[in-house]
Amino acid sequence: MAMPYSEKVMDHFNNPRNVGELEGADATGTVGNAKCGDIMQVFLKVEDNIIEDVSFKTFGCGAAIATSSMATELIKGKTLEEALKVTNKSVMESLDGLPPAKVHCSILAEEAIHAAINDYMVKNTGEGLPGYECTDCNACGHH
């Protein structure tokens, strides 16, 4: 019987990268999906517009942890603009796919990246990302 998760998903679930709260983070993005109960936090350290360090804390299923881990790997060392181009599809492709019922986890990972970058922009420019709408107004504290 085939496993529902790819080897990469299992690897990122069993050995998550960049996990934990980042000391002295410049920005934090928190998103949650009330329907499934997953909550993701992404922490960024940014220097000269480049994500020097990134970490996450996720409360959720294995797919939520794996997508958070992969998302942090994909944006580490990237400029903020490059990080904004990381989509749920690129997270899923990097993990060799997700079962249809778990696609929402990759969407949450994309939203967490955007929430963290928006937080950074608000703190450093006074303005958030153009057209950005946070999904959890209790978490972002900018409203």
N, C-alpha and C. Protein backbone atom coordinates (compact mmCIF):
# COMPACT_ATOMS: atom_id res chain seq x y z
N MET A 1 0.85 -1.19 0.00
CA MET A 1 0.00 0.00 0.00
C MET A 1 0.89 1.24 0.00
N ALA A 2 0.57 2.18 -0.86
CA ALA A 2 1.37 3.41 -0.97
C ALA A 2 1.11 4.32 0.23
N MET A 3 2.17 4.97 0.65
CA MET A 3 2.03 5.92 1.76
C MET A 3 1.36 7.19 1.24
N PRO A 4 0.51 7.82 2.05
CA PRO A 4 -0.14 9.04 1.59
C PRO A 4 0.83 10.22 1.47
N TYR A 5 1.97 10.13 2.15
CA TYR A 5 2.93 11.23 2.13
C TYR A 5 4.22 10.82 1.44
N SER A 6 4.81 11.77 0.73
CA SER A 6 6.09 11.52 0.07
C SER A 6 7.20 11.38 1.12
N GLU A 7 8.34 10.84 0.67
CA GLU A 7 9.49 10.72 1.58
C GLU A 7 9.93 12.10 2.08
N LYS A 8 9.85 13.10 1.20
CA LYS A 8 10.26 14.45 1.61
C LYS A 8 9.35 15.01 2.69
N VAL A 9 8.05 14.77 2.57
CA VAL A 9 7.11 15.23 3.61
C VAL A 9 7.47 14.55 4.93
N MET A 10 7.69 13.24 4.89
CA MET A 10 8.02 12.51 6.11
C MET A 10 9.34 12.99 6.71
N ASP A 11 10.32 13.31 5.84
CA ASP A 11 11.61 13.80 6.31
C ASP A 11 11.45 15.14 7.01
N HIS A 12 10.68 16.05 6.41
CA HIS A 12 10.50 17.37 7.02
C HIS A 12 9.62 17.30 8.27
N PHE A 13 8.75 16.29 8.35
CA PHE A 13 7.96 16.10 9.56
C PHE A 13 8.83 15.53 10.68
N ASN A 14 9.61 14.50 10.35
CA ASN A 14 10.45 13.84 11.36
C ASN A 14 11.67 14.65 11.75
N ASN A 15 12.19 15.46 10.82
CA ASN A 15 13.39 16.27 11.05
C ASN A 15 13.15 17.70 10.59
N PRO A 16 12.23 18.40 11.23
CA PRO A 16 11.91 19.76 10.74
C PRO A 16 13.11 20.69 10.82
N ARG A 17 13.26 21.50 9.79
CA ARG A 17 14.33 22.49 9.72
C ARG A 17 13.84 23.80 10.30
N ASN A 18 14.74 24.54 10.91
CA ASN A 18 14.45 25.91 11.36
C ASN A 18 13.28 25.99 12.34
N VAL A 19 13.19 25.03 13.23
CA VAL A 19 12.05 25.00 14.15
C VAL A 19 12.38 25.76 15.43
N GLY A 20 11.38 26.42 15.98
CA GLY A 20 11.53 27.14 17.25
C GLY A 20 11.43 28.64 17.06
N GLU A 21 11.33 29.33 18.17
CA GLU A 21 11.23 30.78 18.13
C GLU A 21 12.62 31.37 17.87
N LEU A 22 12.69 32.36 17.00
CA LEU A 22 13.96 32.98 16.62
C LEU A 22 14.26 34.14 17.56
N GLU A 23 15.37 34.02 18.30
CA GLU A 23 15.78 35.10 19.21
C GLU A 23 16.02 36.39 18.42
N GLY A 24 15.45 37.47 18.89
CA GLY A 24 15.68 38.77 18.26
C GLY A 24 15.11 38.89 16.87
N ALA A 25 14.02 38.19 16.59
CA ALA A 25 13.40 38.26 15.25
C ALA A 25 12.96 39.68 14.94
N ASP A 26 13.11 40.05 13.67
CA ASP A 26 12.68 41.36 13.20
C ASP A 26 11.19 41.38 12.89
N ALA A 27 10.62 40.21 12.64
CA ALA A 27 9.21 40.14 12.27
C ALA A 27 8.66 38.75 12.59
N THR A 28 7.36 38.73 12.84
CA THR A 28 6.65 37.48 13.11
C THR A 28 5.35 37.49 12.33
N GLY A 29 5.05 36.38 11.71
CA GLY A 29 3.76 36.23 11.04
C GLY A 29 3.04 35.05 11.63
N THR A 30 1.80 35.26 12.05
CA THR A 30 1.01 34.19 12.63
C THR A 30 -0.26 34.02 11.82
N VAL A 31 -0.51 32.81 11.38
CA VAL A 31 -1.75 32.51 10.66
C VAL A 31 -2.35 31.25 11.25
N GLY A 32 -3.66 31.16 11.10
CA GLY A 32 -4.34 29.98 11.61
C GLY A 32 -5.51 29.62 10.73
N ASN A 33 -5.85 28.37 10.75
CA ASN A 33 -7.01 27.89 10.02
C ASN A 33 -7.95 27.28 11.05
N ALA A 34 -9.01 28.00 11.37
CA ALA A 34 -9.93 27.57 12.42
C ALA A 34 -10.58 26.23 12.06
N LYS A 35 -10.76 25.98 10.78
CA LYS A 35 -11.42 24.75 10.34
C LYS A 35 -10.63 23.51 10.73
N CYS A 36 -9.31 23.56 10.55
CA CYS A 36 -8.50 22.37 10.85
C CYS A 36 -7.72 22.51 12.15
N GLY A 37 -7.66 23.73 12.69
CA GLY A 37 -6.97 23.93 13.96
C GLY A 37 -5.48 24.16 13.85
N ASP A 38 -4.93 24.21 12.62
CA ASP A 38 -3.50 24.44 12.46
C ASP A 38 -3.16 25.91 12.72
N ILE A 39 -2.07 26.15 13.41
CA ILE A 39 -1.57 27.51 13.64
C ILE A 39 -0.09 27.52 13.29
N MET A 40 0.32 28.47 12.45
CA MET A 40 1.71 28.60 12.05
C MET A 40 2.23 29.96 12.42
N GLN A 41 3.46 29.98 12.93
CA GLN A 41 4.17 31.23 13.20
C GLN A 41 5.49 31.16 12.46
N VAL A 42 5.80 32.22 11.73
CA VAL A 42 7.08 32.33 11.03
C VAL A 42 7.81 33.54 11.59
N PHE A 43 9.08 33.35 11.93
CA PHE A 43 9.93 34.41 12.47
C PHE A 43 11.02 34.73 11.46
N LEU A 44 11.26 36.03 11.24
CA LEU A 44 12.28 36.45 10.27
C LEU A 44 13.32 37.34 10.92
N LYS A 45 14.57 37.14 10.48
CA LYS A 45 15.65 38.08 10.75
C LYS A 45 16.06 38.61 9.39
N VAL A 46 15.94 39.92 9.20
CA VAL A 46 16.18 40.52 7.89
C VAL A 46 17.32 41.51 7.99
N GLU A 47 18.25 41.41 7.05
CA GLU A 47 19.35 42.36 6.98
C GLU A 47 19.54 42.77 5.53
N ASP A 48 19.53 44.09 5.27
CA ASP A 48 19.68 44.60 3.90
C ASP A 48 18.71 43.92 2.94
N ASN A 49 17.44 43.79 3.38
CA ASN A 49 16.37 43.25 2.54
C ASN A 49 16.50 41.73 2.28
N ILE A 50 17.44 41.08 2.96
CA ILE A 50 17.64 39.64 2.77
C ILE A 50 17.27 38.90 4.05
N ILE A 51 16.55 37.80 3.89
CA ILE A 51 16.16 36.98 5.04
C ILE A 51 17.39 36.19 5.47
N GLU A 52 18.06 36.72 6.49
CA GLU A 52 19.30 36.11 7.01
C GLU A 52 19.00 34.84 7.79
N ASP A 53 17.89 34.85 8.51
CA ASP A 53 17.51 33.68 9.29
C ASP A 53 15.99 33.62 9.37
N VAL A 54 15.47 32.42 9.53
CA VAL A 54 14.04 32.20 9.57
C VAL A 54 13.77 30.96 10.42
N SER A 55 12.67 31.00 11.14
CA SER A 55 12.27 29.81 11.89
C SER A 55 10.76 29.77 11.97
N PHE A 56 10.25 28.67 12.49
CA PHE A 56 8.79 28.54 12.60
C PHE A 56 8.41 27.77 13.85
N LYS A 57 7.19 28.02 14.28
CA LYS A 57 6.53 27.19 15.30
C LYS A 57 5.17 26.86 14.73
N THR A 58 4.86 25.59 14.67
CA THR A 58 3.57 25.17 14.10
C THR A 58 2.87 24.22 15.05
N PHE A 59 1.60 24.50 15.25
CA PHE A 59 0.74 23.59 15.99
C PHE A 59 -0.18 22.99 14.95
N GLY A 60 0.02 21.71 14.65
CA GLY A 60 -0.82 21.12 13.63
C GLY A 60 -0.37 19.72 13.27
N CYS A 61 -0.91 19.24 12.17
CA CYS A 61 -0.64 17.88 11.73
C CYS A 61 0.74 17.77 11.09
N GLY A 62 1.11 16.58 10.72
CA GLY A 62 2.40 16.33 10.09
C GLY A 62 2.62 17.15 8.83
N ALA A 63 1.58 17.28 8.02
CA ALA A 63 1.70 18.06 6.78
C ALA A 63 1.91 19.54 7.09
N ALA A 64 1.29 20.04 8.14
CA ALA A 64 1.48 21.45 8.53
C ALA A 64 2.92 21.69 8.96
N ILE A 65 3.47 20.76 9.70
CA ILE A 65 4.86 20.88 10.15
C ILE A 65 5.81 20.78 8.95
N ALA A 66 5.56 19.82 8.07
CA ALA A 66 6.42 19.63 6.89
C ALA A 66 6.38 20.85 5.97
N THR A 67 5.17 21.42 5.74
CA THR A 67 5.09 22.58 4.85
C THR A 67 5.74 23.81 5.48
N SER A 68 5.63 23.96 6.79
CA SER A 68 6.31 25.07 7.48
C SER A 68 7.81 24.93 7.33
N SER A 69 8.31 23.72 7.57
CA SER A 69 9.74 23.46 7.48
C SER A 69 10.25 23.75 6.07
N MET A 70 9.56 23.24 5.07
CA MET A 70 9.99 23.46 3.68
C MET A 70 9.89 24.94 3.31
N ALA A 71 8.84 25.61 3.74
CA ALA A 71 8.69 27.03 3.40
C ALA A 71 9.86 27.84 3.95
N THR A 72 10.29 27.54 5.18
CA THR A 72 11.43 28.28 5.74
C THR A 72 12.70 28.00 4.95
N GLU A 73 12.87 26.77 4.50
CA GLU A 73 14.04 26.42 3.69
C GLU A 73 14.03 27.20 2.37
N LEU A 74 12.85 27.35 1.79
CA LEU A 74 12.73 28.01 0.49
C LEU A 74 13.00 29.51 0.55
N ILE A 75 12.78 30.15 1.71
CA ILE A 75 12.96 31.61 1.77
C ILE A 75 14.26 32.04 2.43
N LYS A 76 14.95 31.13 3.09
CA LYS A 76 16.20 31.48 3.77
C LYS A 76 17.24 31.96 2.75
N GLY A 77 17.82 33.14 3.02
CA GLY A 77 18.83 33.69 2.13
C GLY A 77 18.26 34.46 0.95
N LYS A 78 16.96 34.49 0.83
CA LYS A 78 16.30 35.18 -0.28
C LYS A 78 16.00 36.63 0.10
N THR A 79 15.80 37.47 -0.92
CA THR A 79 15.32 38.83 -0.65
C THR A 79 13.84 38.72 -0.27
N LEU A 80 13.32 39.78 0.32
CA LEU A 80 11.89 39.79 0.67
C LEU A 80 11.04 39.59 -0.58
N GLU A 81 11.44 40.23 -1.68
CA GLU A 81 10.68 40.11 -2.94
C GLU A 81 10.67 38.67 -3.44
N GLU A 82 11.85 38.01 -3.37
CA GLU A 82 11.92 36.61 -3.79
C GLU A 82 11.07 35.72 -2.88
N ALA A 83 11.11 36.00 -1.59
CA ALA A 83 10.33 35.19 -0.63
C ALA A 83 8.83 35.33 -0.90
N LEU A 84 8.41 36.51 -1.32
CA LEU A 84 6.99 36.71 -1.61
C LEU A 84 6.52 35.88 -2.81
N LYS A 85 7.45 35.45 -3.64
CA LYS A 85 7.10 34.65 -4.82
C LYS A 85 6.96 33.17 -4.49
N VAL A 86 7.32 32.78 -3.27
CA VAL A 86 7.14 31.38 -2.86
C VAL A 86 5.64 31.16 -2.65
N THR A 87 5.09 30.23 -3.41
CA THR A 87 3.66 29.96 -3.35
C THR A 87 3.41 28.61 -2.70
N ASN A 88 2.15 28.36 -2.40
CA ASN A 88 1.80 27.05 -1.85
C ASN A 88 2.16 25.95 -2.85
N LYS A 89 2.05 26.26 -4.15
CA LYS A 89 2.41 25.26 -5.17
C LYS A 89 3.90 24.95 -5.13
N SER A 90 4.74 25.98 -4.96
CA SER A 90 6.18 25.71 -4.91
C SER A 90 6.55 24.94 -3.64
N VAL A 91 5.85 25.20 -2.54
CA VAL A 91 6.07 24.43 -1.31
C VAL A 91 5.68 22.96 -1.55
N MET A 92 4.51 22.75 -2.17
CA MET A 92 4.06 21.38 -2.43
C MET A 92 5.01 20.66 -3.39
N GLU A 93 5.43 21.35 -4.46
CA GLU A 93 6.35 20.73 -5.42
C GLU A 93 7.66 20.35 -4.75
N SER A 94 8.15 21.20 -3.87
CA SER A 94 9.40 20.92 -3.17
C SER A 94 9.29 19.71 -2.25
N LEU A 95 8.07 19.42 -1.83
CA LEU A 95 7.82 18.27 -0.96
C LEU A 95 7.37 17.04 -1.75
N ASP A 96 7.42 17.12 -3.08
CA ASP A 96 6.94 16.05 -3.96
C ASP A 96 5.45 15.77 -3.77
N GLY A 97 4.70 16.83 -3.50
CA GLY A 97 3.24 16.71 -3.45
C GLY A 97 2.68 16.48 -2.06
N LEU A 98 1.38 16.75 -1.96
CA LEU A 98 0.62 16.52 -0.72
C LEU A 98 -0.71 15.88 -1.10
N PRO A 99 -1.28 15.09 -0.20
CA PRO A 99 -2.63 14.57 -0.46
C PRO A 99 -3.61 15.75 -0.56
N PRO A 100 -4.64 15.63 -1.40
CA PRO A 100 -5.59 16.74 -1.59
C PRO A 100 -6.14 17.31 -0.28
N ALA A 101 -6.37 16.46 0.70
CA ALA A 101 -6.93 16.93 1.98
C ALA A 101 -5.94 17.79 2.77
N LYS A 102 -4.67 17.80 2.35
CA LYS A 102 -3.64 18.54 3.10
C LYS A 102 -3.10 19.76 2.34
N VAL A 103 -3.68 20.05 1.19
CA VAL A 103 -3.23 21.21 0.40
C VAL A 103 -3.36 22.50 1.22
N HIS A 104 -4.37 22.56 2.08
CA HIS A 104 -4.57 23.78 2.90
C HIS A 104 -3.34 24.08 3.76
N CYS A 105 -2.57 23.06 4.12
CA CYS A 105 -1.37 23.28 4.93
C CYS A 105 -0.33 24.10 4.14
N SER A 106 -0.21 23.82 2.85
CA SER A 106 0.74 24.58 2.03
C SER A 106 0.26 26.01 1.83
N ILE A 107 -1.05 26.19 1.77
CA ILE A 107 -1.61 27.56 1.65
C ILE A 107 -1.31 28.32 2.94
N LEU A 108 -1.45 27.66 4.08
CA LEU A 108 -1.13 28.29 5.36
C LEU A 108 0.34 28.69 5.42
N ALA A 109 1.23 27.85 4.89
CA ALA A 109 2.66 28.17 4.89
C ALA A 109 2.92 29.43 4.05
N GLU A 110 2.30 29.52 2.88
CA GLU A 110 2.43 30.71 2.04
C GLU A 110 1.91 31.94 2.79
N GLU A 111 0.76 31.80 3.43
CA GLU A 111 0.16 32.92 4.18
C GLU A 111 1.05 33.35 5.34
N ALA A 112 1.70 32.39 6.00
CA ALA A 112 2.57 32.71 7.14
C ALA A 112 3.79 33.51 6.68
N ILE A 113 4.35 33.16 5.52
CA ILE A 113 5.47 33.92 4.95
C ILE A 113 5.01 35.36 4.68
N HIS A 114 3.86 35.50 4.04
CA HIS A 114 3.34 36.83 3.72
C HIS A 114 3.04 37.64 4.98
N ALA A 115 2.50 36.96 5.99
CA ALA A 115 2.18 37.65 7.26
C ALA A 115 3.46 38.17 7.92
N ALA A 116 4.53 37.36 7.89
CA ALA A 116 5.79 37.78 8.50
C ALA A 116 6.41 38.94 7.73
N ILE A 117 6.39 38.87 6.40
CA ILE A 117 6.95 39.95 5.59
C ILE A 117 6.11 41.21 5.76
N ASN A 118 4.80 41.07 5.84
CA ASN A 118 3.94 42.23 6.08
C ASN A 118 4.28 42.87 7.43
N ASP A 119 4.49 42.04 8.45
CA ASP A 119 4.86 42.54 9.77
C ASP A 119 6.18 43.32 9.69
N TYR A 120 7.13 42.78 8.95
CA TYR A 120 8.42 43.45 8.78
C TYR A 120 8.23 44.81 8.09
N MET A 121 7.43 44.82 7.03
CA MET A 121 7.19 46.06 6.28
C MET A 121 6.53 47.13 7.16
N VAL A 122 5.52 46.72 7.92
CA VAL A 122 4.82 47.66 8.80
C VAL A 122 5.79 48.25 9.82
N LYS A 123 6.62 47.39 10.41
CA LYS A 123 7.57 47.85 11.43
C LYS A 123 8.65 48.76 10.86
N ASN A 124 9.04 48.54 9.60
CA ASN A 124 10.18 49.25 9.04
C ASN A 124 9.83 50.38 8.07
N THR A 125 8.63 50.34 7.51
CA THR A 125 8.25 51.40 6.57
C THR A 125 6.96 52.10 6.99
N GLY A 126 6.28 51.51 7.97
CA GLY A 126 4.99 52.07 8.39
C GLY A 126 3.85 51.64 7.49
N GLU A 127 4.18 50.93 6.43
CA GLU A 127 3.14 50.44 5.51
C GLU A 127 3.32 48.96 5.29
N GLY A 128 2.19 48.26 5.18
CA GLY A 128 2.24 46.84 4.91
C GLY A 128 2.38 46.56 3.43
N LEU A 129 2.33 45.30 3.07
CA LEU A 129 2.41 44.91 1.67
C LEU A 129 1.19 45.44 0.93
N PRO A 130 1.38 45.97 -0.27
CA PRO A 130 0.24 46.46 -1.05
C PRO A 130 -0.77 45.33 -1.28
N GLY A 131 -2.01 45.58 -0.95
CA GLY A 131 -3.07 44.61 -1.17
C GLY A 131 -3.10 43.46 -0.19
N TYR A 132 -2.21 43.49 0.83
CA TYR A 132 -2.16 42.39 1.78
C TYR A 132 -3.34 42.47 2.74
N GLU A 133 -3.99 41.35 2.93
CA GLU A 133 -5.05 41.26 3.93
C GLU A 133 -4.70 40.12 4.87
N CYS A 134 -4.53 40.47 6.14
CA CYS A 134 -4.18 39.40 7.07
C CYS A 134 -5.39 38.51 7.30
N THR A 135 -5.10 37.26 7.61
CA THR A 135 -6.18 36.29 7.79
C THR A 135 -6.56 36.16 9.26
N ASP A 136 -5.73 36.71 10.15
CA ASP A 136 -6.01 36.59 11.57
C ASP A 136 -5.73 37.92 12.25
N CYS A 137 -6.75 38.76 12.33
CA CYS A 137 -6.55 40.12 12.85
C CYS A 137 -6.17 40.14 14.33
N ASN A 138 -6.47 39.07 15.05
CA ASN A 138 -6.04 39.03 16.46
C ASN A 138 -4.54 38.82 16.56
N ALA A 139 -3.97 38.13 15.57
CA ALA A 139 -2.56 37.77 15.65
C ALA A 139 -1.64 38.88 15.20
N CYS A 140 -2.03 39.62 14.15
CA CYS A 140 -1.04 40.53 13.58
C CYS A 140 -0.89 41.83 14.38
N GLY A 141 -1.95 42.27 15.05
CA GLY A 141 -1.85 43.44 15.90
C GLY A 141 -1.68 44.76 15.16
N HIS A 142 -1.89 44.77 13.85
CA HIS A 142 -1.72 46.00 13.09
C HIS A 142 -3.04 46.72 12.82
N HIS A 143 -4.13 46.20 13.36
CA HIS A 143 -5.43 46.83 13.09
C HIS A 143 -6.02 47.40 14.36
